[in-house]
Amino acid sequence: MTMSILPTSAPLVLALICLAAALRSAWLWYQTSRVQIVPLWETLGQIEPVSGSDNHWIVGMMTAAQQSAALNRSAAIWTGGAALAGAASTVAGALL
């Protein structure tokens, strides 16, 4: 009989952590794809201005880009966590 420094449930727990992190990252990637460009006048509850200025759309695009970037960053972090937990689960399983 060999002694293991890891509890026998460690690979399963790490695999479940990997699954949870992967699902969270997938949800964040999905949310990133759903970010829509909303012009500033619509955000402020106003009617579309008659002037030919595109500033309202530019502000809307910048806001959407910032939201998308924040979601992408979070999704990338969760994806990295999922990969780390998956690798740890594999190593823990090999050590048992």
Foldseek 3Di string as FASTA:
>chain_A
DDDFPDDPCLLVVLLVLLVVLLVVLVVLLVVLVVQDQDFQCVVVVHDDDPDPDCVRSVVSVVVNVVSSVVSNVSSVVSNVSSVVSNVVSVVSVVRD
